Amino acid sequence: QVWLVESGGGLVQAGDSLRLSCAASGRILSTFAMGWFRQVPGKEREFVSAISGNGVNTYYAESVKGRFTVSKDNIKNTMYLQMNSLKPEDTAVYFCAAKPRDRVYVVVTKEKYYYWGQGTQVTVSS
């Protein structure tokens, strides 16, 4: 079992930055592929970014490429999402997710993830 807890969300203005954290407990994240997803009311949860278990490989949605950076500290068992140049359309609840036994590959499909956090709200005002 893995427990994931997101933090770092908040209310910011367009152009500002935020760093989200996803702290894991229960298992060692170096063997887990992890991802960030976001969701607004009435819409499907959408992929934002993913990182492989070893932290080497990353992948981003086109909408955030060049603005967001995902990283992973396997010693602290924590994943991060650095979000720069935020836009009002980035407003959503952000979730982190983990999938075991994936050290090398990134996972972009939400159905393949086993564990999810409760989410943290990010609101970007114009």
N, C-alpha and C. Protein backbone atom coordinates (compact mmCIF):
# COMPACT_ATOMS: atom_id res chain seq x y z
N GLN A 1 0.85 -1.19 0.00
CA GLN A 1 0.00 0.00 0.00
C GLN A 1 0.88 1.24 0.00
N VAL A 2 0.47 2.26 -0.73
CA VAL A 2 1.19 3.54 -0.78
C VAL A 2 0.19 4.65 -0.48
N TRP A 3 0.60 5.56 0.38
CA TRP A 3 -0.23 6.73 0.67
C TRP A 3 0.46 7.95 0.06
N LEU A 4 -0.31 8.74 -0.67
CA LEU A 4 0.22 9.92 -1.34
C LEU A 4 -0.50 11.16 -0.81
N VAL A 5 0.28 12.19 -0.48
CA VAL A 5 -0.30 13.43 0.03
C VAL A 5 0.28 14.60 -0.75
N GLU A 6 -0.59 15.33 -1.45
CA GLU A 6 -0.17 16.51 -2.20
C GLU A 6 -0.20 17.74 -1.30
N SER A 7 0.66 18.69 -1.62
CA SER A 7 0.66 19.99 -0.93
C SER A 7 1.24 21.03 -1.88
N GLY A 8 1.07 22.29 -1.51
CA GLY A 8 1.68 23.38 -2.27
C GLY A 8 0.72 24.15 -3.15
N GLY A 9 -0.53 23.73 -3.22
CA GLY A 9 -1.48 24.46 -4.02
C GLY A 9 -1.83 25.80 -3.38
N GLY A 10 -2.56 26.62 -4.13
CA GLY A 10 -2.95 27.92 -3.59
C GLY A 10 -3.53 28.81 -4.66
N LEU A 11 -3.73 30.05 -4.28
CA LEU A 11 -4.27 31.07 -5.18
C LEU A 11 -3.14 32.00 -5.60
N VAL A 12 -2.91 32.09 -6.91
CA VAL A 12 -1.85 32.95 -7.43
C VAL A 12 -2.39 33.75 -8.61
N GLN A 13 -1.59 34.69 -9.06
CA GLN A 13 -1.96 35.47 -10.24
C GLN A 13 -1.30 34.89 -11.49
N ALA A 14 -1.87 35.19 -12.63
CA ALA A 14 -1.28 34.75 -13.89
C ALA A 14 0.17 35.21 -13.98
N GLY A 15 1.03 34.30 -14.42
CA GLY A 15 2.45 34.60 -14.51
C GLY A 15 3.27 34.17 -13.31
N ASP A 16 2.60 33.89 -12.21
CA ASP A 16 3.29 33.46 -10.98
C ASP A 16 3.72 32.00 -11.08
N SER A 17 4.40 31.56 -10.03
CA SER A 17 4.89 30.18 -9.96
C SER A 17 4.38 29.51 -8.68
N LEU A 18 4.28 28.20 -8.74
CA LEU A 18 3.98 27.37 -7.58
C LEU A 18 4.77 26.08 -7.70
N ARG A 19 5.06 25.47 -6.56
CA ARG A 19 5.68 24.15 -6.57
C ARG A 19 4.80 23.21 -5.77
N LEU A 20 4.30 22.20 -6.43
CA LEU A 20 3.52 21.17 -5.76
C LEU A 20 4.44 20.05 -5.29
N SER A 21 4.08 19.46 -4.18
CA SER A 21 4.81 18.30 -3.66
C SER A 21 3.85 17.13 -3.51
N CYS A 22 4.39 15.95 -3.67
CA CYS A 22 3.62 14.72 -3.46
C CYS A 22 4.48 13.81 -2.59
N ALA A 23 4.14 13.73 -1.33
CA ALA A 23 4.90 12.92 -0.39
C ALA A 23 4.29 11.53 -0.31
N ALA A 24 5.14 10.53 -0.38
CA ALA A 24 4.67 9.15 -0.35
C ALA A 24 5.14 8.44 0.90
N SER A 25 4.32 7.55 1.38
CA SER A 25 4.72 6.71 2.51
C SER A 25 4.26 5.29 2.23
N GLY A 26 4.96 4.36 2.82
CA GLY A 26 4.56 2.98 2.67
C GLY A 26 5.47 2.17 1.78
N ARG A 27 5.98 2.76 0.74
CA ARG A 27 6.88 2.04 -0.16
C ARG A 27 7.94 3.00 -0.69
N ILE A 28 8.99 2.44 -1.28
CA ILE A 28 10.07 3.25 -1.81
C ILE A 28 9.75 3.65 -3.24
N LEU A 29 9.78 4.95 -3.50
CA LEU A 29 9.33 5.46 -4.80
C LEU A 29 10.27 5.18 -5.95
N SER A 30 11.48 4.74 -5.68
CA SER A 30 12.42 4.53 -6.78
C SER A 30 11.94 3.43 -7.72
N THR A 31 11.00 2.61 -7.27
CA THR A 31 10.49 1.56 -8.15
C THR A 31 9.12 1.90 -8.72
N PHE A 32 8.66 3.14 -8.46
CA PHE A 32 7.32 3.55 -8.87
C PHE A 32 7.39 4.62 -9.96
N ALA A 33 6.70 4.40 -11.06
CA ALA A 33 6.43 5.50 -11.99
C ALA A 33 5.39 6.41 -11.33
N MET A 34 5.52 7.70 -11.56
CA MET A 34 4.59 8.64 -10.93
C MET A 34 4.11 9.66 -11.93
N GLY A 35 2.97 10.26 -11.60
CA GLY A 35 2.42 11.24 -12.52
C GLY A 35 1.62 12.31 -11.81
N TRP A 36 1.39 13.38 -12.52
CA TRP A 36 0.50 14.47 -12.09
C TRP A 36 -0.66 14.56 -13.07
N PHE A 37 -1.84 14.69 -12.51
CA PHE A 37 -3.04 14.89 -13.29
C PHE A 37 -3.79 16.08 -12.70
N ARG A 38 -4.72 16.62 -13.46
CA ARG A 38 -5.54 17.71 -12.94
C ARG A 38 -6.97 17.55 -13.43
N GLN A 39 -7.86 18.16 -12.67
CA GLN A 39 -9.28 18.02 -12.98
C GLN A 39 -10.03 19.26 -12.58
N VAL A 40 -10.92 19.69 -13.46
CA VAL A 40 -11.84 20.77 -13.16
C VAL A 40 -13.24 20.17 -13.11
N PRO A 41 -14.16 20.80 -12.38
CA PRO A 41 -15.51 20.24 -12.25
C PRO A 41 -16.16 20.02 -13.61
N GLY A 42 -16.76 18.84 -13.78
CA GLY A 42 -17.47 18.54 -15.00
C GLY A 42 -16.62 18.02 -16.13
N LYS A 43 -15.31 17.91 -15.88
CA LYS A 43 -14.42 17.42 -16.94
C LYS A 43 -13.65 16.19 -16.47
N GLU A 44 -13.11 15.47 -17.45
CA GLU A 44 -12.30 14.31 -17.14
C GLU A 44 -10.99 14.75 -16.49
N ARG A 45 -10.44 13.86 -15.67
CA ARG A 45 -9.11 14.10 -15.12
C ARG A 45 -8.11 13.98 -16.26
N GLU A 46 -7.26 14.99 -16.41
CA GLU A 46 -6.35 15.00 -17.54
C GLU A 46 -4.90 14.89 -17.12
N PHE A 47 -4.12 14.30 -17.99
CA PHE A 47 -2.70 14.10 -17.75
C PHE A 47 -1.96 15.43 -17.81
N VAL A 48 -1.01 15.61 -16.90
CA VAL A 48 -0.16 16.80 -16.87
C VAL A 48 1.29 16.43 -17.13
N SER A 49 1.80 15.50 -16.32
CA SER A 49 3.21 15.17 -16.41
C SER A 49 3.46 13.81 -15.78
N ALA A 50 4.54 13.15 -16.22
CA ALA A 50 4.89 11.86 -15.66
C ALA A 50 6.40 11.74 -15.55
N ILE A 51 6.84 10.88 -14.62
CA ILE A 51 8.26 10.65 -14.41
C ILE A 51 8.47 9.18 -14.09
N SER A 52 9.56 8.62 -14.60
CA SER A 52 9.83 7.22 -14.36
C SER A 52 10.32 6.99 -12.94
N GLY A 53 10.33 5.74 -12.52
CA GLY A 53 10.75 5.41 -11.17
C GLY A 53 12.15 5.88 -10.85
N ASN A 54 13.06 5.75 -11.80
CA ASN A 54 14.44 6.18 -11.56
C ASN A 54 14.64 7.67 -11.73
N GLY A 55 13.57 8.40 -12.09
CA GLY A 55 13.64 9.85 -12.21
C GLY A 55 14.32 10.36 -13.47
N VAL A 56 14.68 9.48 -14.37
CA VAL A 56 15.44 9.89 -15.56
C VAL A 56 14.52 10.36 -16.68
N ASN A 57 13.44 9.66 -16.89
CA ASN A 57 12.55 9.96 -18.02
C ASN A 57 11.33 10.74 -17.57
N THR A 58 10.99 11.76 -18.34
CA THR A 58 9.83 12.59 -18.04
C THR A 58 9.01 12.82 -19.31
N TYR A 59 7.77 13.21 -19.10
CA TYR A 59 6.87 13.47 -20.23
C TYR A 59 5.85 14.50 -19.78
N TYR A 60 5.45 15.37 -20.73
CA TYR A 60 4.55 16.47 -20.39
C TYR A 60 3.41 16.58 -21.39
N ALA A 61 2.28 17.02 -20.91
CA ALA A 61 1.21 17.41 -21.82
C ALA A 61 1.65 18.63 -22.59
N GLU A 62 1.17 18.76 -23.82
CA GLU A 62 1.56 19.90 -24.65
C GLU A 62 1.21 21.24 -23.99
N SER A 63 0.12 21.25 -23.27
CA SER A 63 -0.37 22.49 -22.67
C SER A 63 0.55 23.04 -21.58
N VAL A 64 1.43 22.19 -21.02
CA VAL A 64 2.30 22.64 -19.93
C VAL A 64 3.78 22.55 -20.30
N LYS A 65 4.08 22.00 -21.45
CA LYS A 65 5.47 21.81 -21.86
C LYS A 65 6.18 23.15 -21.92
N GLY A 66 7.37 23.20 -21.31
CA GLY A 66 8.14 24.43 -21.28
C GLY A 66 7.83 25.32 -20.09
N ARG A 67 6.74 25.04 -19.38
CA ARG A 67 6.37 25.83 -18.20
C ARG A 67 6.46 25.01 -16.92
N PHE A 68 6.15 23.74 -16.99
CA PHE A 68 6.15 22.86 -15.82
C PHE A 68 7.34 21.92 -15.86
N THR A 69 7.85 21.58 -14.68
CA THR A 69 8.94 20.63 -14.58
C THR A 69 8.64 19.65 -13.46
N VAL A 70 8.69 18.37 -13.78
CA VAL A 70 8.47 17.33 -12.79
C VAL A 70 9.83 16.79 -12.34
N SER A 71 9.91 16.48 -11.07
CA SER A 71 11.15 15.90 -10.53
C SER A 71 10.80 14.97 -9.38
N LYS A 72 11.82 14.23 -8.95
CA LYS A 72 11.55 13.19 -7.96
C LYS A 72 12.78 13.06 -7.07
N ASP A 73 12.55 13.04 -5.77
CA ASP A 73 13.63 12.82 -4.81
C ASP A 73 13.35 11.48 -4.15
N ASN A 74 14.04 10.47 -4.60
CA ASN A 74 13.76 9.12 -4.09
C ASN A 74 14.28 8.91 -2.66
N ILE A 75 15.14 9.79 -2.21
CA ILE A 75 15.58 9.69 -0.81
C ILE A 75 14.50 10.24 0.11
N LYS A 76 13.91 11.36 -0.29
CA LYS A 76 12.83 11.95 0.50
C LYS A 76 11.48 11.31 0.17
N ASN A 77 11.46 10.43 -0.83
CA ASN A 77 10.20 9.80 -1.24
C ASN A 77 9.15 10.82 -1.63
N THR A 78 9.58 11.80 -2.39
CA THR A 78 8.70 12.91 -2.75
C THR A 78 8.88 13.26 -4.23
N MET A 79 7.74 13.56 -4.87
CA MET A 79 7.75 14.05 -6.24
C MET A 79 7.33 15.51 -6.22
N TYR A 80 7.83 16.29 -7.17
CA TYR A 80 7.53 17.71 -7.24
C TYR A 80 7.02 18.08 -8.62
N LEU A 81 6.25 19.16 -8.66
CA LEU A 81 5.87 19.76 -9.93
C LEU A 81 6.09 21.26 -9.81
N GLN A 82 7.13 21.74 -10.46
CA GLN A 82 7.40 23.17 -10.50
C GLN A 82 6.58 23.77 -11.63
N MET A 83 5.72 24.70 -11.30
CA MET A 83 4.82 25.31 -12.29
C MET A 83 5.16 26.78 -12.42
N ASN A 84 5.64 27.17 -13.57
CA ASN A 84 5.99 28.56 -13.86
C ASN A 84 5.04 29.15 -14.90
N SER A 85 5.03 30.46 -14.97
CA SER A 85 4.19 31.16 -15.97
C SER A 85 2.77 30.63 -15.96
N LEU A 86 2.20 30.56 -14.79
CA LEU A 86 0.87 29.98 -14.66
C LEU A 86 -0.18 30.81 -15.39
N LYS A 87 -1.17 30.11 -15.92
CA LYS A 87 -2.25 30.73 -16.67
C LYS A 87 -3.58 30.40 -16.00
N PRO A 88 -4.60 31.22 -16.21
CA PRO A 88 -5.92 30.90 -15.62
C PRO A 88 -6.41 29.51 -16.01
N GLU A 89 -6.09 29.05 -17.19
CA GLU A 89 -6.54 27.71 -17.61
C GLU A 89 -5.81 26.58 -16.90
N ASP A 90 -4.81 26.90 -16.09
CA ASP A 90 -4.16 25.89 -15.26
C ASP A 90 -4.94 25.64 -13.97
N THR A 91 -5.96 26.44 -13.73
CA THR A 91 -6.78 26.28 -12.53
C THR A 91 -7.43 24.91 -12.51
N ALA A 92 -7.22 24.16 -11.44
CA ALA A 92 -7.74 22.80 -11.32
C ALA A 92 -7.34 22.23 -9.97
N VAL A 93 -7.88 21.07 -9.66
CA VAL A 93 -7.37 20.27 -8.55
C VAL A 93 -6.29 19.35 -9.15
N TYR A 94 -5.13 19.38 -8.54
CA TYR A 94 -4.00 18.60 -9.03
C TYR A 94 -3.82 17.36 -8.16
N PHE A 95 -3.70 16.22 -8.83
CA PHE A 95 -3.55 14.94 -8.16
C PHE A 95 -2.22 14.30 -8.54
N CYS A 96 -1.60 13.64 -7.58
CA CYS A 96 -0.45 12.81 -7.94
C CYS A 96 -0.87 11.35 -7.87
N ALA A 97 -0.13 10.53 -8.62
CA ALA A 97 -0.46 9.11 -8.74
C ALA A 97 0.82 8.30 -8.84
N ALA A 98 0.72 7.03 -8.46
CA ALA A 98 1.89 6.16 -8.47
C ALA A 98 1.53 4.79 -9.01
N LYS A 99 2.48 4.23 -9.74
CA LYS A 99 2.32 2.89 -10.31
C LYS A 99 3.58 2.09 -9.99
N PRO A 100 3.43 0.96 -9.32
CA PRO A 100 4.61 0.19 -8.94
C PRO A 100 5.28 -0.52 -10.11
N ARG A 101 6.52 -0.92 -9.87
CA ARG A 101 7.27 -1.78 -10.81
C ARG A 101 7.45 -1.12 -12.18
N ASP A 102 7.83 0.17 -12.17
CA ASP A 102 8.10 0.88 -13.42
C ASP A 102 9.27 1.83 -13.22
N ARG A 103 10.47 1.30 -13.18
CA ARG A 103 11.64 2.12 -12.92
C ARG A 103 12.03 2.96 -14.13
N VAL A 104 11.76 2.49 -15.34
CA VAL A 104 12.34 3.11 -16.53
C VAL A 104 11.32 3.90 -17.35
N TYR A 105 10.11 3.42 -17.41
CA TYR A 105 9.15 4.02 -18.34
C TYR A 105 8.24 5.04 -17.65
N VAL A 106 7.77 6.00 -18.42
CA VAL A 106 6.76 6.93 -17.93
C VAL A 106 5.38 6.36 -18.24
N VAL A 107 4.41 6.73 -17.46
CA VAL A 107 3.04 6.24 -17.62
C VAL A 107 2.12 7.44 -17.74
N VAL A 108 1.41 7.54 -18.85
CA VAL A 108 0.59 8.72 -19.10
C VAL A 108 -0.90 8.43 -19.00
N THR A 109 -1.27 7.19 -18.88
CA THR A 109 -2.68 6.80 -18.84
C THR A 109 -3.13 6.66 -17.40
N LYS A 110 -4.16 7.42 -17.04
CA LYS A 110 -4.56 7.43 -15.62
C LYS A 110 -5.06 6.07 -15.16
N GLU A 111 -5.62 5.28 -16.06
CA GLU A 111 -6.16 3.98 -15.66
C GLU A 111 -5.07 3.00 -15.23
N LYS A 112 -3.83 3.30 -15.59
CA LYS A 112 -2.74 2.39 -15.25
C LYS A 112 -2.14 2.66 -13.87
N TYR A 113 -2.58 3.77 -13.25
CA TYR A 113 -2.04 4.10 -11.93
C TYR A 113 -2.82 3.39 -10.83
N TYR A 114 -2.07 2.95 -9.81
CA TYR A 114 -2.68 2.18 -8.73
C TYR A 114 -3.10 3.07 -7.56
N TYR A 115 -2.29 4.09 -7.27
CA TYR A 115 -2.49 4.87 -6.06
C TYR A 115 -2.65 6.34 -6.42
N TRP A 116 -3.52 7.00 -5.66
CA TRP A 116 -3.81 8.41 -5.90
C TRP A 116 -3.82 9.19 -4.59
N GLY A 117 -3.42 10.46 -4.68
CA GLY A 117 -3.57 11.36 -3.55
C GLY A 117 -4.95 11.98 -3.57
N GLN A 118 -5.19 12.85 -2.57
CA GLN A 118 -6.51 13.49 -2.43
C GLN A 118 -6.63 14.76 -3.25
N GLY A 119 -5.52 15.28 -3.72
CA GLY A 119 -5.56 16.46 -4.56
C GLY A 119 -5.28 17.75 -3.81
N THR A 120 -4.78 18.75 -4.54
CA THR A 120 -4.55 20.07 -3.99
C THR A 120 -5.03 21.09 -5.02
N GLN A 121 -5.73 22.11 -4.53
CA GLN A 121 -6.35 23.09 -5.44
C GLN A 121 -5.33 24.13 -5.87
N VAL A 122 -5.29 24.37 -7.16
CA VAL A 122 -4.50 25.47 -7.72
C VAL A 122 -5.47 26.40 -8.44
N THR A 123 -5.44 27.66 -8.06
CA THR A 123 -6.30 28.66 -8.68
C THR A 123 -5.44 29.80 -9.19
N VAL A 124 -5.57 30.10 -10.47
CA VAL A 124 -4.78 31.16 -11.10
C VAL A 124 -5.75 32.25 -11.55
N SER A 125 -5.59 33.42 -11.00
CA SER A 125 -6.47 34.53 -11.37
C SER A 125 -5.82 35.35 -12.49
N SER A 126 -6.67 35.95 -13.30
CA SER A 126 -6.17 36.73 -14.45
C SER A 126 -5.92 38.17 -14.07
